[in-house]
Amino acid sequence: IADGRLPAKLLFSQLGLQFIAYLPLILPLALMLGLLLAIARLYRDSEMAVITAIGVGPKRLLRPLLMLVVPVVLLVGTCSLWLGPWAGRVAEQMIIEANRSVLMAGLEPGRFTPLPNGGVVYLSSISPDGTELGKVFMQRQKDDRLEVVSANSGRMFFEGTRQRFLELDDGHQVEGPVAGALDYRLATFARNDVALPDGAQTRTEDDPELMPTLKLIGDERPQAQAQLHRRLAPPLIALAFALLTVPLGRSSPRQQRYGRMMLALMAYMVGTNLMFIGSGWIANGKIPAALGLWWLTVPLLALAIWMYARDGRLGRPKGARA
């Protein structure tokens, strides 16, 4: 946007769509930290000791925990498998449309707009579809010479997929030295082409990051399989870290709770980094697609279940039921 590749009007829409794409990474962390704070508070206020003393074991605590965790995990899965790719496709389509419109190229009527390599352009009017221009004024500098151009009309056209030009029709051009010497040239033209900032880079429809999840299942490319496993992993990781909050939240009333939070945060960062590293290995063919990220998610879930069950046995008084 700062380079003129996209207009400021697209800023908030692009940020919003990118935020949706990152929700599968944000929601598990928010869920884990929220649960950890709540459980640590129960231990600090000795409420967990009372709950355990009356015979409430891990099985009974699991039900209210899952009532909160399962909807969030389903939301993470929805964002990862459907909403995230959809947001990416919508954002890409908006960029494509922006590249094809003068209005979206950052040019607005009644406003001086900077051009690449110096210079400004002013438009008196633009057609509703953003393709036709009226009364164009432009000033730019080439080396040590200054150029001023005015035209009655113009339009935008493309060379390749990204390079955009203004076609100016029926106008005049004055060129002279910047230093102020009297070496001026005056010319009239029927057509004069001016380069605009390159359009933002766009991706093709077969880009795995933009493809729907169902299409990735039948795509045998390593990059597509890597993207598929990367979308499957976040809900499983969210469930595992939610279960880990119970044993990680165990503390004495006088113990600082922020040390456990730092430990949980570091564990989450390691888990997500391994997810990205593993998907890169799949894309590069270093590990088979059949293995995917199961080597990460399955042991993590098993560890979470084991620690949850072990924490229940440690905290249960003798003779109490689960």
Protein backbone atom coordinates (compact mmCIF):
# COMPACT_ATOMS: atom_id res chain seq x y z
CA ILE A 1 0.00 0.00 0.00
CA ALA A 2 2.83 2.42 0.85
CA ASP A 3 4.45 1.69 -2.53
CA GLY A 4 1.23 2.33 -4.42
CA ARG A 5 0.69 -1.33 -5.33
CA LEU A 6 -2.63 -1.34 -3.50
CA PRO A 7 -4.91 1.52 -2.42
CA ALA A 8 -5.49 2.47 1.19
CA LYS A 9 -9.13 1.42 0.77
CA LEU A 10 -8.06 -2.22 0.84
CA LEU A 11 -6.05 -1.94 4.05
CA PHE A 12 -8.69 -2.93 6.60
CA SER A 13 -10.35 -5.56 4.40
CA GLN A 14 -7.00 -7.25 3.79
CA LEU A 15 -6.12 -7.08 7.49
CA GLY A 16 -9.49 -8.57 8.43
CA LEU A 17 -9.16 -11.43 5.97
CA GLN A 18 -5.61 -12.14 7.10
CA PHE A 19 -6.82 -12.15 10.70
CA ILE A 20 -9.31 -14.91 9.83
CA ALA A 21 -6.49 -16.92 8.26
CA TYR A 22 -4.44 -16.64 11.47
CA LEU A 23 -7.28 -17.59 13.84
CA PRO A 24 -6.22 -21.30 13.86
CA LEU A 25 -2.99 -20.16 15.52
CA ILE A 26 -4.48 -17.48 17.80
CA LEU A 27 -7.48 -19.35 19.21
CA PRO A 28 -5.57 -22.36 20.66
CA LEU A 29 -3.16 -20.01 22.43
CA ALA A 30 -6.00 -17.89 23.82
CA LEU A 31 -7.85 -21.01 25.00
CA MET A 32 -4.75 -22.44 26.68
CA LEU A 33 -3.84 -19.22 28.49
CA GLY A 34 -7.43 -18.61 29.61
CA LEU A 35 -7.81 -22.11 31.03
CA LEU A 36 -4.40 -21.94 32.67
CA LEU A 37 -5.26 -18.68 34.43
CA ALA A 38 -8.58 -20.07 35.65
CA ILE A 39 -7.10 -23.34 36.94
CA ALA A 40 -4.16 -21.57 38.59
CA ARG A 41 -6.66 -19.29 40.34
CA LEU A 42 -8.52 -22.33 41.69
CA TYR A 43 -5.29 -23.72 43.13
CA ARG A 44 -4.21 -20.36 44.54
CA ASP A 45 -7.52 -19.89 46.37
CA SER A 46 -7.43 -23.53 47.62
CA GLU A 47 -10.70 -24.24 45.80
CA MET A 48 -9.14 -27.11 43.88
CA ALA A 49 -8.08 -28.72 47.17
CA VAL A 50 -11.67 -28.54 48.42
CA ILE A 51 -13.02 -29.96 45.16
CA THR A 52 -10.57 -32.85 45.34
CA ALA A 53 -11.28 -33.47 49.03
CA ILE A 54 -15.00 -34.05 48.39
CA GLY A 55 -14.17 -36.74 45.86
CA VAL A 56 -14.44 -34.90 42.54
CA GLY A 57 -11.88 -36.66 40.34
CA PRO A 58 -10.59 -35.98 36.84
CA LYS A 59 -13.53 -37.67 35.12
CA ARG A 60 -15.99 -35.23 36.66
CA LEU A 61 -13.77 -32.26 35.86
CA LEU A 62 -13.39 -33.45 32.30
CA ARG A 63 -17.03 -32.85 31.41
CA PRO A 64 -17.16 -29.09 32.21
CA LEU A 65 -13.72 -28.72 30.68
CA LEU A 66 -14.83 -30.31 27.41
CA MET A 67 -18.00 -28.22 27.37
CA LEU A 68 -15.74 -25.21 26.86
CA VAL A 69 -12.93 -26.84 24.90
CA VAL A 70 -14.93 -28.75 22.26
CA PRO A 71 -16.73 -25.68 20.77
CA VAL A 72 -13.43 -23.81 20.55
CA VAL A 73 -11.72 -26.81 18.93
CA LEU A 74 -14.57 -27.04 16.42
CA LEU A 75 -14.20 -23.33 15.69
CA VAL A 76 -10.45 -23.80 15.19
CA GLY A 77 -11.13 -26.66 12.79
CA THR A 78 -13.69 -24.58 10.88
CA CYS A 79 -11.27 -21.69 10.54
CA SER A 80 -8.38 -23.95 9.58
CA LEU A 81 -10.21 -26.17 7.09
CA TRP A 82 -12.71 -23.74 5.57
CA LEU A 83 -12.73 -20.10 6.69
CA GLY A 84 -8.97 -19.56 6.40
CA PRO A 85 -8.65 -20.79 2.78
CA TRP A 86 -11.86 -18.94 1.88
CA ALA A 87 -10.47 -15.70 3.32
CA GLY A 88 -7.27 -16.21 1.33
CA ARG A 89 -9.22 -16.64 -1.91
CA VAL A 90 -11.36 -13.57 -1.24
CA ALA A 91 -8.28 -11.47 -0.43
CA GLU A 92 -6.56 -12.65 -3.60
CA GLN A 93 -9.62 -11.84 -5.72
CA MET A 94 -9.75 -8.34 -4.23
CA ILE A 95 -6.10 -7.82 -5.17
CA ILE A 96 -6.77 -9.03 -8.73
CA GLU A 97 -9.69 -6.62 -9.07
CA ALA A 98 -7.58 -3.84 -7.60
CA ASN A 99 -4.86 -4.40 -10.18
CA ARG A 100 -7.37 -3.97 -12.99
CA SER A 101 -8.95 -0.71 -11.84
CA VAL A 102 -7.58 2.80 -11.96
CA LEU A 103 -9.53 3.60 -8.81
CA MET A 104 -7.84 0.69 -7.05
CA ALA A 105 -4.41 1.59 -8.43
CA GLY A 106 -4.34 4.42 -5.92
CA LEU A 107 -5.45 7.12 -8.37
CA GLU A 108 -8.31 9.28 -7.17
CA PRO A 109 -9.95 12.28 -8.87
CA GLY A 110 -9.03 15.67 -7.46
CA ARG A 111 -5.90 14.36 -5.74
CA PHE A 112 -2.18 14.41 -6.58
CA THR A 113 -0.88 10.84 -6.55
CA PRO A 114 2.86 9.96 -6.42
CA LEU A 115 4.30 7.89 -9.26
CA PRO A 116 7.21 5.41 -9.17
CA ASN A 117 10.66 6.93 -9.63
CA GLY A 118 9.35 10.37 -8.68
CA GLY A 119 6.60 12.55 -10.11
CA VAL A 120 2.90 13.05 -9.48
CA VAL A 121 -0.31 12.67 -11.46
CA TYR A 122 -3.61 14.52 -11.11
CA LEU A 123 -6.96 13.39 -12.53
CA SER A 124 -10.02 15.58 -12.83
CA SER A 125 -12.45 12.67 -13.20
CA ILE A 126 -12.65 8.88 -13.42
CA SER A 127 -15.43 6.78 -14.92
CA PRO A 128 -17.55 4.69 -12.50
CA ASP A 129 -15.81 1.47 -13.55
CA GLY A 130 -12.38 3.04 -13.00
CA THR A 131 -11.13 2.53 -16.56
CA GLU A 132 -11.53 5.91 -18.29
CA LEU A 133 -9.81 9.12 -17.17
CA GLY A 134 -10.61 12.75 -17.86
CA LYS A 135 -8.25 15.76 -17.90
CA VAL A 136 -4.94 14.30 -16.76
CA PHE A 137 -1.98 16.36 -15.50
CA MET A 138 1.37 14.74 -14.75
CA GLN A 139 4.81 15.90 -13.67
CA ARG A 140 7.87 13.65 -13.43
CA GLN A 141 11.65 13.91 -13.50
CA LYS A 142 14.01 11.91 -15.70
CA ASP A 143 17.63 12.30 -14.66
CA ASP A 144 18.28 16.07 -14.76
CA ARG A 145 15.21 16.99 -16.85
CA LEU A 146 11.67 17.81 -15.73
CA GLU A 147 8.65 16.72 -17.73
CA VAL A 148 5.10 18.12 -17.53
CA VAL A 149 2.30 16.37 -19.41
CA SER A 150 -1.37 17.23 -19.80
CA ALA A 151 -3.96 15.18 -21.67
CA ASN A 152 -7.66 15.38 -22.35
CA SER A 153 -8.31 11.70 -21.58
CA GLY A 154 -6.65 8.44 -20.73
CA ARG A 155 -7.07 4.85 -19.62
CA MET A 156 -5.13 2.07 -17.91
CA PHE A 157 -3.71 -1.03 -19.63
CA PHE A 158 -1.40 -3.90 -18.70
CA GLU A 159 1.77 -5.51 -19.91
CA GLY A 160 2.17 -8.96 -18.41
CA THR A 161 0.28 -9.69 -15.22
CA ARG A 162 1.44 -6.85 -12.97
CA GLN A 163 2.96 -3.95 -14.94
CA ARG A 164 0.38 -1.17 -15.32
CA PHE A 165 0.49 1.83 -17.65
CA LEU A 166 -1.54 4.97 -18.15
CA GLU A 167 -2.39 5.63 -21.77
CA LEU A 168 -2.73 9.42 -22.20
CA ASP A 169 -4.52 10.65 -25.32
CA ASP A 170 -4.60 14.01 -27.09
CA GLY A 171 -2.27 16.09 -24.98
CA HIS A 172 0.84 18.27 -24.67
CA GLN A 173 4.27 17.65 -23.18
CA VAL A 174 6.82 20.19 -21.97
CA GLU A 175 10.33 19.05 -21.10
CA GLY A 176 13.15 21.14 -19.68
CA PRO A 177 16.22 21.08 -17.44
CA VAL A 178 15.79 21.05 -13.66
CA ALA A 179 18.63 23.56 -13.21
CA GLY A 180 16.68 26.30 -14.98
CA ALA A 181 18.48 26.58 -18.35
CA LEU A 182 16.43 27.63 -21.36
CA ASP A 183 16.60 24.25 -23.09
CA TYR A 184 12.88 23.47 -23.33
CA ARG A 185 10.99 21.20 -25.70
CA LEU A 186 7.28 21.46 -26.46
CA ALA A 187 5.43 18.61 -28.14
CA THR A 188 1.90 17.46 -28.78
CA PHE A 189 0.95 13.81 -28.87
CA ALA A 190 -1.93 11.56 -29.77
CA ARG A 191 -0.83 8.93 -27.24
CA ASN A 192 1.70 8.81 -24.41
CA ASP A 193 2.19 5.83 -22.05
CA VAL A 194 3.22 6.36 -18.41
CA ALA A 195 4.26 3.57 -16.01
CA LEU A 196 2.28 3.11 -12.79
CA PRO A 197 3.43 1.15 -9.72
CA ASP A 198 3.41 -2.59 -10.38
CA GLY A 199 0.31 -4.38 -9.19
CA ALA A 200 0.54 -6.49 -6.08
CA GLN A 201 1.77 -10.02 -6.64
CA THR A 202 -1.09 -12.49 -7.14
CA ARG A 203 -1.20 -16.26 -6.86
CA THR A 204 -2.77 -18.83 -9.17
CA GLU A 205 -5.82 -20.94 -8.39
CA ASP A 206 -3.71 -24.10 -7.99
CA ASP A 207 -1.73 -22.55 -5.13
CA PRO A 208 -2.23 -25.01 -2.23
CA GLU A 209 -2.76 -22.17 0.25
CA LEU A 210 -5.82 -21.02 -1.72
CA MET A 211 -7.29 -24.41 -2.64
CA PRO A 212 -10.34 -25.76 -0.76
CA THR A 213 -9.49 -28.54 1.67
CA LEU A 214 -11.47 -31.18 -0.23
CA LYS A 215 -9.41 -30.53 -3.36
CA LEU A 216 -6.19 -30.93 -1.39
CA ILE A 217 -7.17 -34.48 -0.42
CA GLY A 218 -6.91 -35.70 -4.00
CA ASP A 219 -3.87 -33.59 -4.89
CA GLU A 220 -0.69 -35.69 -4.75
CA ARG A 221 1.74 -32.78 -4.94
CA PRO A 222 3.96 -32.60 -1.84
CA GLN A 223 3.07 -28.92 -1.40
CA ALA A 224 -0.65 -29.74 -1.42
CA GLN A 225 -0.24 -32.58 1.08
CA ALA A 226 1.85 -30.31 3.32
CA GLN A 227 -0.92 -27.72 3.26
CA LEU A 228 -3.54 -30.38 4.03
CA HIS A 229 -1.70 -31.62 7.11
CA ARG A 230 -1.04 -28.06 8.19
CA ARG A 231 -4.79 -27.45 8.20
CA LEU A 232 -5.56 -30.68 10.06
CA ALA A 233 -3.04 -30.05 12.85
CA PRO A 234 -4.40 -26.88 14.61
CA PRO A 235 -7.61 -28.38 16.09
CA LEU A 236 -5.68 -31.40 17.41
CA ILE A 237 -3.00 -29.14 18.87
CA ALA A 238 -5.70 -26.97 20.46
CA LEU A 239 -7.27 -30.03 22.12
CA ALA A 240 -3.91 -31.30 23.37
CA PHE A 241 -2.84 -28.00 24.92
CA ALA A 242 -6.28 -27.52 26.48
CA LEU A 243 -5.89 -30.85 28.30
CA LEU A 244 -2.36 -29.94 29.32
CA THR A 245 -3.59 -26.86 31.17
CA VAL A 246 -4.92 -28.99 34.05
CA PRO A 247 -1.57 -30.55 35.05
CA LEU A 248 0.34 -27.38 34.12
CA GLY A 249 -1.97 -25.29 36.30
CA ARG A 250 -1.29 -27.35 39.44
CA SER A 251 0.42 -25.18 42.05
CA SER A 252 0.48 -24.42 45.75
CA PRO A 253 -1.37 -21.35 47.11
CA ARG A 254 1.89 -19.43 47.59
CA GLN A 255 3.47 -20.44 44.31
CA GLN A 256 3.78 -17.87 41.53
CA ARG A 257 1.51 -18.74 38.63
CA TYR A 258 3.35 -16.85 35.92
CA GLY A 259 6.18 -19.39 35.77
CA ARG A 260 3.69 -22.02 34.62
CA MET A 261 2.31 -19.60 32.05
CA MET A 262 5.77 -19.06 30.59
CA LEU A 263 6.27 -22.82 30.46
CA ALA A 264 2.94 -23.27 28.67
CA LEU A 265 3.72 -20.45 26.25
CA MET A 266 7.11 -21.93 25.41
CA ALA A 267 5.53 -25.36 24.89
CA TYR A 268 2.96 -23.85 22.53
CA MET A 269 5.63 -22.01 20.56
CA VAL A 270 7.66 -25.21 20.22
CA GLY A 271 4.57 -27.11 19.06
CA THR A 272 3.56 -24.55 16.44
CA ASN A 273 7.13 -24.19 15.19
CA LEU A 274 7.36 -27.96 14.79
CA MET A 275 4.10 -27.82 12.83
CA PHE A 276 5.57 -25.30 10.37
CA ILE A 277 8.88 -27.16 10.17
CA GLY A 278 7.10 -30.46 9.58
CA SER A 279 4.90 -29.04 6.83
CA GLY A 280 8.04 -27.68 5.19
CA TRP A 281 9.60 -31.15 5.35
CA ILE A 282 6.52 -32.62 3.65
CA ALA A 283 6.58 -29.95 0.93
CA ASN A 284 10.28 -30.61 0.28
CA GLY A 285 9.82 -34.37 0.23
CA LYS A 286 12.00 -34.98 3.30
CA ILE A 287 9.28 -37.00 5.02
CA PRO A 288 6.49 -38.99 3.33
CA ALA A 289 3.07 -37.38 2.98
CA ALA A 290 1.48 -40.43 4.64
CA LEU A 291 3.39 -39.64 7.83
CA GLY A 292 2.27 -36.03 7.64
CA LEU A 293 2.21 -34.25 10.97
CA TRP A 294 0.85 -37.26 12.85
CA TRP A 295 4.30 -37.71 14.41
CA LEU A 296 3.61 -34.39 16.19
CA THR A 297 -0.12 -34.38 16.92
CA VAL A 298 -0.60 -38.00 18.05
CA PRO A 299 2.26 -38.05 20.63
CA LEU A 300 1.20 -34.60 21.83
CA LEU A 301 -2.37 -35.78 22.37
CA ALA A 302 -1.14 -38.96 24.07
CA LEU A 303 1.10 -36.93 26.37
CA ALA A 304 -1.76 -34.57 27.24
CA ILE A 305 -4.13 -37.46 28.06
CA TRP A 306 -1.48 -39.23 30.15
CA MET A 307 -0.59 -36.08 32.11
CA TYR A 308 -4.28 -35.30 32.68
CA ALA A 309 -4.95 -38.79 34.03
CA ARG A 310 -1.76 -38.76 36.11
CA ASP A 311 -2.64 -35.38 37.61
CA GLY A 312 -6.01 -36.76 38.65
CA ARG A 313 -4.43 -39.72 40.42
CA LEU A 314 -1.91 -37.49 42.21
CA GLY A 315 -4.52 -35.06 43.45
CA ARG A 316 -7.19 -37.60 44.47
CA PRO A 317 -7.38 -38.50 48.16
CA LYS A 318 -7.39 -42.14 49.16
CA GLY A 319 -10.78 -43.72 48.95
CA ALA A 320 -12.19 -40.97 46.72
CA ARG A 321 -13.93 -41.88 43.50
CA ALA A 322 -13.03 -40.52 40.06
